[in-house]
Amino acid sequence: MPAPTEIPWTHADTVTIRDLTGHGERIVRDPDELAELARLLEVDRAGAGFVCMCWGDVEFLVRDASRRTLAVLRLHLGSGLDWSAWGGQLPLLRAEALTHWLTERALCAVPPVAGS
């Protein structure tokens, strides 16, 4: 997989976060929260990417101030972040912290822990 394109966070004005399993939706507009989200969505650029056939668990719709879509990212809990510009998923650097951030905001269901 070629080196991934950078997500255009410098032009982001809003991010609509939608749980694809029906747990909720939220629009993030606050610049500090956008910066935190961008940090949580950083991927391992050297990681081995792969293509998955499912829709993912959480969608992040990144838009600029004119509401033009800059990126549609799909989180696959437990595996990585997908963006069409990358041609597949890349592993997240802070997957556990992102899952915690999302569950605090009721934007995803925590997958069950094996053996519980």
C-alpha atoms as a PDB file:
ATOM      1  CA  MET A   1       0.000   0.000   0.000  1.00  0.00           C
ATOM      2  CA  PRO A   2       1.445   3.435  -0.888  1.00  0.00           C
ATOM      3  CA  ALA A   3       2.099   6.029   1.828  1.00  0.00           C
ATOM      4  CA  PRO A   4      -1.262   7.346   3.056  1.00  0.00           C
ATOM      5  CA  THR A   5      -2.568  10.778   2.198  1.00  0.00           C
ATOM      6  CA  GLU A   6      -3.030  13.087   5.177  1.00  0.00           C
ATOM      7  CA  ILE A   7      -6.560  13.692   6.424  1.00  0.00           C
ATOM      8  CA  PRO A   8      -7.281  17.405   5.715  1.00  0.00           C
ATOM      9  CA  TRP A   9      -7.756  18.462   9.359  1.00  0.00           C
ATOM     10  CA  THR A  10      -6.424  21.999   8.806  1.00  0.00           C
ATOM     11  CA  HIS A  11      -9.530  22.817   6.731  1.00  0.00           C
ATOM     12  CA  ALA A  12     -12.020  20.926   8.917  1.00  0.00           C
ATOM     13  CA  ASP A  13     -14.852  22.999  10.374  1.00  0.00           C
ATOM     14  CA  THR A  14     -17.165  20.189  11.513  1.00  0.00           C
ATOM     15  CA  VAL A  15     -17.099  16.436  11.899  1.00  0.00           C
ATOM     16  CA  THR A  16     -20.355  14.501  11.968  1.00  0.00           C
ATOM     17  CA  ILE A  17     -19.832  11.266  13.872  1.00  0.00           C
ATOM     18  CA  ARG A  18     -22.384   8.551  13.280  1.00  0.00           C
ATOM     19  CA  ASP A  19     -22.501   5.126  14.880  1.00  0.00           C
ATOM     20  CA  LEU A  20     -23.383   2.810  11.999  1.00  0.00           C
ATOM     21  CA  THR A  21     -24.998   0.353  14.403  1.00  0.00           C
ATOM     22  CA  GLY A  22     -27.567   2.940  15.515  1.00  0.00           C
ATOM     23  CA  HIS A  23     -26.162   4.145  18.843  1.00  0.00           C
ATOM     24  CA  GLY A  24     -26.052   7.839  18.040  1.00  0.00           C
ATOM     25  CA  GLU A  25     -24.859  10.814  16.059  1.00  0.00           C
ATOM     26  CA  ARG A  26     -23.040  13.982  17.020  1.00  0.00           C
ATOM     27  CA  ILE A  27     -21.638  17.019  15.234  1.00  0.00           C
ATOM     28  CA  VAL A  28     -18.315  18.287  16.548  1.00  0.00           C
ATOM     29  CA  ARG A  29     -17.658  22.005  15.943  1.00  0.00           C
ATOM     30  CA  ASP A  30     -15.475  23.096  18.852  1.00  0.00           C
ATOM     31  CA  PRO A  31     -11.877  23.670  17.634  1.00  0.00           C
ATOM     32  CA  ASP A  32     -10.364  22.017  20.733  1.00  0.00           C
ATOM     33  CA  GLU A  33     -12.578  18.954  20.347  1.00  0.00           C
ATOM     34  CA  LEU A  34     -11.768  18.793  16.610  1.00  0.00           C
ATOM     35  CA  ALA A  35      -8.049  18.851  17.449  1.00  0.00           C
ATOM     36  CA  GLU A  36      -8.525  16.096  20.036  1.00  0.00           C
ATOM     37  CA  LEU A  37     -10.460  14.000  17.536  1.00  0.00           C
ATOM     38  CA  ALA A  38      -7.781  14.510  14.876  1.00  0.00           C
ATOM     39  CA  ARG A  39      -5.153  13.284  17.350  1.00  0.00           C
ATOM     40  CA  LEU A  40      -7.256  10.238  18.252  1.00  0.00           C
ATOM     41  CA  LEU A  41      -7.738   9.383  14.561  1.00  0.00           C
ATOM     42  CA  GLU A  42      -4.025   9.363  13.742  1.00  0.00           C
ATOM     43  CA  VAL A  43      -2.985   6.189  11.961  1.00  0.00           C
ATOM     44  CA  ASP A  44       0.213   4.205  11.866  1.00  0.00           C
ATOM     45  CA  ARG A  45       1.527   5.282   8.471  1.00  0.00           C
ATOM     46  CA  ALA A  46       3.935   2.348   8.439  1.00  0.00           C
ATOM     47  CA  GLY A  47       1.246  -0.150   9.413  1.00  0.00           C
ATOM     48  CA  ALA A  48       0.057  -2.869   7.122  1.00  0.00           C
ATOM     49  CA  GLY A  49      -3.249  -1.788   5.604  1.00  0.00           C
ATOM     50  CA  PHE A  50      -5.964  -4.088   4.460  1.00  0.00           C
ATOM     51  CA  VAL A  51      -9.294  -3.920   2.677  1.00  0.00           C
ATOM     52  CA  CYS A  52     -12.466  -4.988   4.477  1.00  0.00           C
ATOM     53  CA  MET A  53     -15.809  -5.601   2.810  1.00  0.00           C
ATOM     54  CA  CYS A  54     -17.980  -4.392   5.725  1.00  0.00           C
ATOM     55  CA  TRP A  55     -19.258  -0.830   6.279  1.00  0.00           C
ATOM     56  CA  GLY A  56     -17.425  -0.393   9.574  1.00  0.00           C
ATOM     57  CA  ASP A  57     -18.754   0.659  12.967  1.00  0.00           C
ATOM     58  CA  VAL A  58     -18.460   4.459  13.125  1.00  0.00           C
ATOM     59  CA  GLU A  59     -18.407   7.053  10.343  1.00  0.00           C
ATOM     60  CA  PHE A  60     -16.642  10.431  10.537  1.00  0.00           C
ATOM     61  CA  LEU A  61     -17.822  12.969   7.945  1.00  0.00           C
ATOM     62  CA  VAL A  62     -15.229  15.775   7.825  1.00  0.00           C
ATOM     63  CA  ARG A  63     -16.452  19.050   6.284  1.00  0.00           C
ATOM     64  CA  ASP A  64     -15.034  22.511   5.735  1.00  0.00           C
ATOM     65  CA  ALA A  65     -16.775  25.815   6.554  1.00  0.00           C
ATOM     66  CA  SER A  66     -18.681  25.782   3.236  1.00  0.00           C
ATOM     67  CA  ARG A  67     -19.972  22.261   4.113  1.00  0.00           C
ATOM     68  CA  ARG A  68     -17.889  20.642   1.379  1.00  0.00           C
ATOM     69  CA  THR A  69     -16.965  17.063   2.296  1.00  0.00           C
ATOM     70  CA  LEU A  70     -13.225  16.705   2.834  1.00  0.00           C
ATOM     71  CA  ALA A  71     -13.165  13.071   3.952  1.00  0.00           C
ATOM     72  CA  VAL A  72     -15.451  10.224   4.948  1.00  0.00           C
ATOM     73  CA  LEU A  73     -13.620   7.990   7.410  1.00  0.00           C
ATOM     74  CA  ARG A  74     -14.871   4.634   8.646  1.00  0.00           C
ATOM     75  CA  LEU A  75     -13.742   3.150  11.930  1.00  0.00           C
ATOM     76  CA  HIS A  76     -13.650  -0.618  12.218  1.00  0.00           C
ATOM     77  CA  LEU A  77     -13.511  -1.282  15.964  1.00  0.00           C
ATOM     78  CA  GLY A  78     -10.642  -3.566  16.749  1.00  0.00           C
ATOM     79  CA  SER A  79      -8.948  -3.222  13.390  1.00  0.00           C
ATOM     80  CA  GLY A  80      -8.419   0.265  11.968  1.00  0.00           C
ATOM     81  CA  LEU A  81      -9.523   3.377  10.141  1.00  0.00           C
ATOM     82  CA  ASP A  82     -10.559   3.308   6.486  1.00  0.00           C
ATOM     83  CA  TRP A  83     -10.528   6.197   4.001  1.00  0.00           C
ATOM     84  CA  SER A  84     -10.944   5.790   0.256  1.00  0.00           C
ATOM     85  CA  ALA A  85      -7.841   7.948  -0.341  1.00  0.00           C
ATOM     86  CA  TRP A  86      -5.783   5.225   1.366  1.00  0.00           C
ATOM     87  CA  GLY A  87      -7.313   2.299  -0.488  1.00  0.00           C
ATOM     88  CA  GLY A  88      -7.815   0.348   2.740  1.00  0.00           C
ATOM     89  CA  GLN A  89      -7.660   0.432   6.520  1.00  0.00           C
ATOM     90  CA  LEU A  90      -4.669   1.519   8.538  1.00  0.00           C
ATOM     91  CA  PRO A  91      -4.138   0.734  12.223  1.00  0.00           C
ATOM     92  CA  LEU A  92      -4.858   3.544  14.694  1.00  0.00           C
ATOM     93  CA  LEU A  93      -2.147   4.823  17.015  1.00  0.00           C
ATOM     94  CA  ARG A  94      -4.657   5.414  19.841  1.00  0.00           C
ATOM     95  CA  ALA A  95      -7.428   2.879  19.209  1.00  0.00           C
ATOM     96  CA  GLU A  96      -8.241   2.329  22.882  1.00  0.00           C
ATOM     97  CA  ALA A  97      -8.368   6.068  23.637  1.00  0.00           C
ATOM     98  CA  LEU A  98     -10.616   6.656  20.613  1.00  0.00           C
ATOM     99  CA  THR A  99     -12.997   3.890  21.686  1.00  0.00           C
ATOM    100  CA  HIS A 100     -13.127   5.414  25.174  1.00  0.00           C
ATOM    101  CA  TRP A 101     -13.810   8.896  23.693  1.00  0.00           C
ATOM    102  CA  LEU A 102     -16.636   7.508  21.556  1.00  0.00           C
ATOM    103  CA  THR A 103     -18.245   5.460  24.318  1.00  0.00           C
ATOM    104  CA  GLU A 104     -18.142   8.445  26.719  1.00  0.00           C
ATOM    105  CA  ARG A 105     -20.280  10.269  24.161  1.00  0.00           C
ATOM    106  CA  ALA A 106     -22.585   7.269  23.522  1.00  0.00           C
ATOM    107  CA  LEU A 107     -21.375   7.074  19.922  1.00  0.00           C
ATOM    108  CA  CYS A 108     -20.508   3.405  19.874  1.00  0.00           C
ATOM    109  CA  ALA A 109     -21.148   0.256  21.782  1.00  0.00           C
ATOM    110  CA  VAL A 110     -18.094  -1.286  23.357  1.00  0.00           C
ATOM    111  CA  PRO A 111     -17.444  -4.717  21.850  1.00  0.00           C
ATOM    112  CA  PRO A 112     -17.749  -7.508  24.438  1.00  0.00           C
ATOM    113  CA  VAL A 113     -14.531  -8.699  26.015  1.00  0.00           C
ATOM    114  CA  ALA A 114     -13.746 -12.341  25.302  1.00  0.00           C
ATOM    115  CA  GLY A 115     -14.587 -14.579  28.254  1.00  0.00           C
ATOM    116  CA  SER A 116     -17.004 -12.169  29.947  1.00  0.00           C
END
